[in-house]
């Protein structure tokens, strides 16, 4: 069982308990279980969710394993200690290095971000829960849950675009505009399962906003924000407009293997679950990502 206790702030809005749970993005199914089984308490006692809240009230939620899908049993692997950029009781943000998978693809597999975070959390009696992933060659800020109840909340914040992720990328060629939006649907590649393509089968809306930072010879450094989160979205979009990412072995035919993909998740802006505040967490550039290309 997991317990989450929240003391409402002095500027607490005049809402009901039900409305507050909605504001916290607690999923409908989970809200129903908490209410029906009287596992949400107000000042230590069960109250109808129509009860009006006051500043200083204490809301306590009790979550059970049955509330969630079966846990992903990541094998703890302590061979690598990942840099932790930010951590709360519910989640953390790590700085993912280049060449590391986000998660295992088969039972018993180790050597991924989730395995290393699982080992890091073991002394706390916590487990690692997947929230989102980064491609193996992409570096930077990556969210990982520490409690199962925070995962659907963070997923909802991602779907509603309230979590903002900013990337830096070196692309080939000289971009003539200072900023722009790439609006091209991304679908499957009918030949290669691993790849994606513009207007491929089962294509879905994909929007990528970019801003030019500077240009060095025939390469351009861009800052990118995603409005959608399709697989390989940044890589597919810039390849589609004739400016593939430098070092992209999948979508850049001119890529040389010794350089590696020039894509870094530079920052992530997260509305803090149960708090009503927002934090922006930055990931320092790795040595493999140059500030200038000569």
Protein backbone atom coordinates (compact mmCIF):
# COMPACT_ATOMS: atom_id res chain seq x y z
CA UNK A 1 0.00 0.00 0.00
CA UNK A 2 1.10 3.57 -0.73
CA UNK A 3 -0.06 6.63 1.20
CA UNK A 4 -0.08 10.17 -0.13
CA UNK A 5 -0.80 13.00 2.30
CA UNK A 6 -1.27 16.58 1.13
CA UNK A 7 -1.73 19.65 3.35
CA UNK A 8 -3.73 22.23 1.45
CA UNK A 9 -2.06 25.66 1.17
CA UNK A 10 -3.22 28.95 2.62
CA UNK A 11 -4.42 30.07 -0.82
CA UNK A 12 -6.48 26.92 -1.34
CA UNK A 13 -9.26 27.45 -3.90
CA UNK A 14 -12.85 26.98 -2.66
CA UNK A 15 -13.47 23.62 -4.32
CA UNK A 16 -14.91 20.27 -3.29
CA UNK A 17 -12.82 17.20 -2.61
CA UNK A 18 -13.95 15.72 -5.94
CA UNK A 19 -12.94 18.87 -7.79
CA UNK A 20 -9.55 18.87 -6.10
CA UNK A 21 -8.88 15.28 -7.18
CA UNK A 22 -9.77 16.35 -10.72
CA UNK A 23 -7.39 19.31 -10.50
CA UNK A 24 -4.67 16.88 -9.45
CA UNK A 25 -5.39 14.77 -12.56
CA UNK A 26 -6.18 11.67 -10.51
CA UNK A 27 -7.70 9.29 -13.11
CA UNK A 28 -11.45 8.66 -13.00
CA UNK A 29 -11.12 4.95 -12.29
CA UNK A 30 -8.75 5.65 -9.40
CA UNK A 31 -11.01 8.36 -7.99
CA UNK A 32 -13.90 5.90 -8.05
CA UNK A 33 -11.97 3.24 -6.15
CA UNK A 34 -10.77 5.74 -3.54
CA UNK A 35 -14.33 6.97 -3.00
CA UNK A 36 -16.11 3.61 -3.05
CA UNK A 37 -13.62 1.96 -0.72
CA UNK A 38 -13.31 5.04 1.51
CA UNK A 39 -9.58 5.29 0.97
CA UNK A 40 -9.51 9.07 0.65
CA UNK A 41 -9.66 10.85 3.99
CA UNK A 42 -10.17 14.48 4.94
CA UNK A 43 -8.47 15.43 8.19
CA UNK A 44 -8.23 11.75 9.11
CA UNK A 45 -11.88 10.85 8.44
CA UNK A 46 -13.85 9.76 5.41
CA UNK A 47 -16.05 12.54 4.05
CA UNK A 48 -18.24 12.65 0.94
CA UNK A 49 -16.29 13.94 -2.05
CA UNK A 50 -18.83 16.77 -2.29
CA UNK A 51 -17.35 18.26 0.91
CA UNK A 52 -15.92 21.76 0.51
CA UNK A 53 -12.23 22.12 1.26
CA UNK A 54 -10.55 24.72 3.46
CA UNK A 55 -6.97 26.00 3.72
CA UNK A 56 -4.92 23.74 5.96
CA UNK A 57 -7.10 20.67 5.38
CA UNK A 58 -5.19 17.39 5.17
CA UNK A 59 -6.11 14.99 2.37
CA UNK A 60 -4.80 11.45 2.72
CA UNK A 61 -5.08 8.90 -0.10
CA UNK A 62 -4.38 5.21 0.34
CA UNK A 63 -3.47 3.32 -2.84
CA UNK A 64 -3.31 -0.46 -3.22
CA UNK A 65 -1.50 -2.65 -5.73
CA UNK A 66 -4.86 -3.73 -7.17
CA UNK A 67 -5.42 -0.10 -8.25
CA UNK A 68 -2.69 -0.43 -10.88
CA UNK A 69 -1.54 -2.73 -13.65
CA UNK A 70 0.98 -5.40 -12.62
CA UNK A 71 4.35 -3.91 -11.79
CA UNK A 72 7.15 -4.03 -14.33
CA UNK A 73 9.83 -5.97 -12.50
CA UNK A 74 13.01 -4.25 -13.65
CA UNK A 75 16.16 -6.11 -12.74
CA UNK A 76 18.26 -3.80 -10.53
CA UNK A 77 21.64 -3.02 -12.10
CA UNK A 78 24.10 -0.97 -10.05
CA UNK A 79 26.94 -0.89 -12.59
CA UNK A 80 26.06 2.69 -13.57
CA UNK A 81 24.96 5.52 -11.28
CA UNK A 82 22.97 7.97 -13.40
CA UNK A 83 23.08 11.71 -12.63
CA UNK A 84 19.88 12.71 -10.79
CA UNK A 85 18.86 16.22 -11.83
CA UNK A 86 15.79 16.51 -9.60
CA UNK A 87 13.95 14.25 -7.16
CA UNK A 88 10.78 14.29 -5.07
CA UNK A 89 9.05 11.61 -3.03
CA UNK A 90 7.04 10.67 -6.16
CA UNK A 91 9.36 10.96 -9.16
CA UNK A 92 12.82 11.89 -10.34
CA UNK A 93 14.51 13.29 -13.44
CA UNK A 94 17.78 11.77 -14.59
CA UNK A 95 20.30 12.90 -17.17
CA UNK A 96 20.36 10.07 -19.69
CA UNK A 97 23.72 9.38 -21.37
CA UNK A 98 24.24 8.59 -25.04
CA UNK A 99 24.02 4.98 -26.20
CA UNK A 100 21.77 3.72 -23.41
CA UNK A 101 18.33 2.20 -23.91
CA UNK A 102 15.50 3.67 -21.85
CA UNK A 103 13.98 0.34 -20.83
CA UNK A 104 14.40 -3.43 -21.30
CA UNK A 105 12.67 -5.16 -24.18
CA UNK A 106 12.64 -8.60 -22.61
CA UNK A 107 12.33 -10.09 -19.09
CA UNK A 108 15.64 -10.28 -17.26
CA UNK A 109 17.36 -7.74 -19.49
CA UNK A 110 19.58 -5.19 -17.74
CA UNK A 111 21.85 -2.31 -18.72
CA UNK A 112 19.03 0.20 -19.36
CA UNK A 113 17.98 3.43 -17.67
CA UNK A 114 15.15 1.69 -15.81
CA UNK A 115 17.51 -1.00 -14.49
CA UNK A 116 19.96 1.59 -13.17
CA UNK A 117 17.20 3.69 -11.59
CA UNK A 118 15.72 0.55 -10.00
CA UNK A 119 19.07 -0.10 -8.32
CA UNK A 120 19.32 3.54 -7.21
CA UNK A 121 15.85 3.39 -5.61
CA UNK A 122 16.31 0.03 -3.86
CA UNK A 123 17.81 1.53 -0.68
CA UNK A 124 14.72 3.78 -0.43
CA UNK A 125 12.41 0.77 -0.72
CA UNK A 126 11.07 2.26 -3.97
CA UNK A 127 10.74 0.99 -7.54
CA UNK A 128 11.20 2.59 -10.95
CA UNK A 129 8.11 3.21 -13.11
CA UNK A 130 8.28 4.17 -16.78
CA UNK A 131 6.74 7.53 -17.72
CA UNK A 132 8.29 8.33 -21.11
CA UNK A 133 11.34 7.25 -23.09
CA UNK A 134 14.22 8.73 -25.03
CA UNK A 135 15.86 7.10 -28.04
CA UNK A 136 19.06 5.23 -27.26
CA UNK A 137 21.32 7.85 -28.86
CA UNK A 138 19.42 10.81 -27.37
CA UNK A 139 20.82 12.37 -24.20
CA UNK A 140 19.23 14.50 -21.51
CA UNK A 141 16.31 14.89 -19.12
CA UNK A 142 14.10 11.85 -18.60
CA UNK A 143 11.24 11.44 -16.08
CA UNK A 144 10.95 8.27 -14.01
CA UNK A 145 8.18 7.54 -11.50
CA UNK A 146 8.90 6.32 -7.97
CA UNK A 147 5.28 5.55 -7.01
CA UNK A 148 2.67 3.90 -9.24
CA UNK A 149 0.01 6.51 -8.44
CA UNK A 150 2.06 9.34 -9.96
CA UNK A 151 2.51 7.61 -13.34
CA UNK A 152 -1.06 8.10 -14.69
CA UNK A 153 -0.97 11.69 -13.43
CA UNK A 154 2.27 12.43 -15.28
CA UNK A 155 0.95 10.61 -18.36
CA UNK A 156 -2.14 12.81 -18.31
CA UNK A 157 0.01 15.93 -18.01
CA UNK A 158 2.00 14.73 -21.03
CA UNK A 159 -1.18 14.09 -23.05
CA UNK A 160 -2.53 17.53 -22.16
CA UNK A 161 0.82 19.09 -23.13
CA UNK A 162 1.24 20.59 -19.68
CA UNK A 163 4.64 18.93 -19.40
CA UNK A 164 6.91 20.79 -21.81
CA UNK A 165 10.06 19.18 -23.19
CA UNK A 166 12.71 21.27 -24.94
CA UNK A 167 15.38 19.72 -27.15
CA UNK A 168 18.56 20.93 -28.80
CA UNK A 169 19.63 19.44 -32.12
CA UNK A 170 22.26 20.01 -34.77
CA UNK A 171 20.74 19.64 -38.22
CA UNK A 172 22.44 19.62 -41.59
CA UNK A 173 22.13 22.58 -43.91
CA UNK A 174 21.31 26.24 -43.45
CA UNK A 175 17.76 26.95 -42.31
CA UNK A 176 16.58 30.09 -44.07
CA UNK A 177 13.97 31.06 -41.46
CA UNK A 178 14.62 31.88 -37.81
CA UNK A 179 11.72 29.75 -36.56
CA UNK A 180 8.98 27.51 -37.85
CA UNK A 181 6.58 24.62 -37.30
CA UNK A 182 6.71 21.27 -39.05
CA UNK A 183 3.19 19.91 -39.48
CA UNK A 184 3.51 16.50 -41.12
CA UNK A 185 1.66 13.34 -40.02
CA UNK A 186 3.93 10.47 -39.00
CA UNK A 187 3.10 6.82 -39.54
CA UNK A 188 4.77 3.44 -39.82
CA UNK A 189 7.41 2.46 -42.32
CA UNK A 190 5.92 -0.41 -44.37
CA UNK A 191 9.36 -1.97 -44.93
CA UNK A 192 11.25 -1.45 -41.67
CA UNK A 193 9.43 -1.99 -38.35
CA UNK A 194 11.99 0.11 -36.50
CA UNK A 195 11.49 3.21 -38.67
CA UNK A 196 8.75 5.81 -39.10
CA UNK A 197 7.88 7.97 -42.07
CA UNK A 198 5.79 10.98 -43.00
CA UNK A 199 2.32 9.93 -44.20
CA UNK A 200 3.14 6.28 -43.59
CA UNK A 201 0.47 3.70 -42.70
CA UNK A 202 -1.61 4.65 -39.62
CA UNK A 203 -0.21 8.19 -39.76
CA UNK A 204 -1.08 10.48 -36.85
CA UNK A 205 -0.87 14.24 -36.35
CA UNK A 206 2.66 15.41 -35.52
CA UNK A 207 3.70 19.00 -34.76
CA UNK A 208 7.27 20.16 -34.15
CA UNK A 209 8.09 23.78 -33.28
CA UNK A 210 11.68 24.94 -33.82
CA UNK A 211 13.81 28.04 -33.39
CA UNK A 212 17.23 28.63 -34.89
CA UNK A 213 19.95 29.38 -32.32
CA UNK A 214 22.91 29.78 -34.64
CA UNK A 215 24.48 28.48 -37.83
CA UNK A 216 28.03 27.23 -38.32
CA UNK A 217 29.00 26.79 -41.96
CA UNK A 218 26.34 24.41 -43.33
CA UNK A 219 25.05 23.14 -39.96
CA UNK A 220 22.36 24.72 -37.78
CA UNK A 221 21.72 24.44 -34.05
CA UNK A 222 17.98 24.51 -33.27
CA UNK A 223 15.83 24.58 -30.15
CA UNK A 224 12.79 22.31 -30.45
CA UNK A 225 9.50 21.90 -28.62
CA UNK A 226 7.14 19.05 -29.42
CA UNK A 227 3.39 19.51 -29.44
CA UNK A 228 2.95 15.79 -30.05
CA UNK A 229 5.12 12.84 -29.07
CA UNK A 230 5.42 10.44 -32.00
CA UNK A 231 8.23 7.89 -32.22
CA UNK A 232 11.33 9.48 -33.83
CA UNK A 233 9.29 12.66 -34.42
CA UNK A 234 12.17 15.15 -34.43
CA UNK A 235 14.34 12.91 -36.58
CA UNK A 236 11.61 12.14 -39.11
CA UNK A 237 10.40 15.72 -39.38
CA UNK A 238 13.78 17.33 -40.00
CA UNK A 239 14.73 14.62 -42.49
CA UNK A 240 11.43 15.25 -44.29
CA UNK A 241 12.21 18.96 -44.79
CA UNK A 242 15.70 18.21 -46.07
CA UNK A 243 17.63 18.94 -42.87
CA UNK A 244 18.27 15.57 -41.17
CA UNK A 245 19.97 15.52 -37.79
CA UNK A 246 23.73 15.23 -37.80
CA UNK A 247 24.83 11.73 -36.89
CA UNK A 248 21.37 10.20 -37.42
CA UNK A 249 22.18 6.73 -38.74
CA UNK A 250 18.49 5.96 -39.39
CA UNK A 251 17.30 9.02 -41.30
CA UNK A 252 20.44 10.80 -42.54
CA UNK A 253 22.10 8.97 -45.46
CA UNK A 254 25.24 11.12 -45.04
CA UNK A 255 25.68 10.33 -41.33
CA UNK A 256 29.07 9.08 -40.24
CA UNK A 257 29.03 6.47 -37.44
CA UNK A 258 31.81 8.09 -35.40
CA UNK A 259 29.82 11.27 -34.66
CA UNK A 260 26.60 9.93 -33.19
CA UNK A 261 23.15 11.50 -33.04
CA UNK A 262 23.17 15.22 -32.17
CA UNK A 263 19.95 15.37 -30.12
CA UNK A 264 19.72 16.42 -26.47
CA UNK A 265 16.67 16.71 -24.20
CA UNK A 266 17.79 20.02 -22.72
CA UNK A 267 14.99 20.69 -20.24
CA UNK A 268 11.64 19.52 -18.98
CA UNK A 269 8.99 21.73 -17.38
CA UNK A 270 6.76 19.77 -14.98
CA UNK A 271 3.62 20.88 -13.11
CA UNK A 272 4.32 19.35 -9.71
CA UNK A 273 1.73 16.69 -8.85
CA UNK A 274 -0.40 17.58 -5.79
CA UNK A 275 1.37 20.97 -5.37
CA UNK A 276 0.10 23.48 -7.92
CA UNK A 277 3.61 24.71 -8.71
CA UNK A 278 5.77 24.24 -11.80
CA UNK A 279 9.44 23.27 -11.94
CA UNK A 280 11.80 23.53 -14.88
CA UNK A 281 14.67 21.04 -14.80
CA UNK A 282 17.65 21.45 -17.13
CA UNK A 283 20.10 18.79 -18.26
CA UNK A 284 23.66 19.98 -18.93
CA UNK A 285 25.09 19.27 -22.36
CA UNK A 286 27.23 16.15 -22.61
CA UNK A 287 30.73 16.32 -24.07
CA UNK A 288 29.42 14.54 -27.16
CA UNK A 289 27.17 17.52 -27.97
CA UNK A 290 29.28 20.48 -29.19
CA UNK A 291 28.22 24.08 -28.79
CA UNK A 292 29.84 24.80 -32.15
CA UNK A 293 30.55 22.62 -35.13
CA UNK A 294 33.55 23.47 -37.30
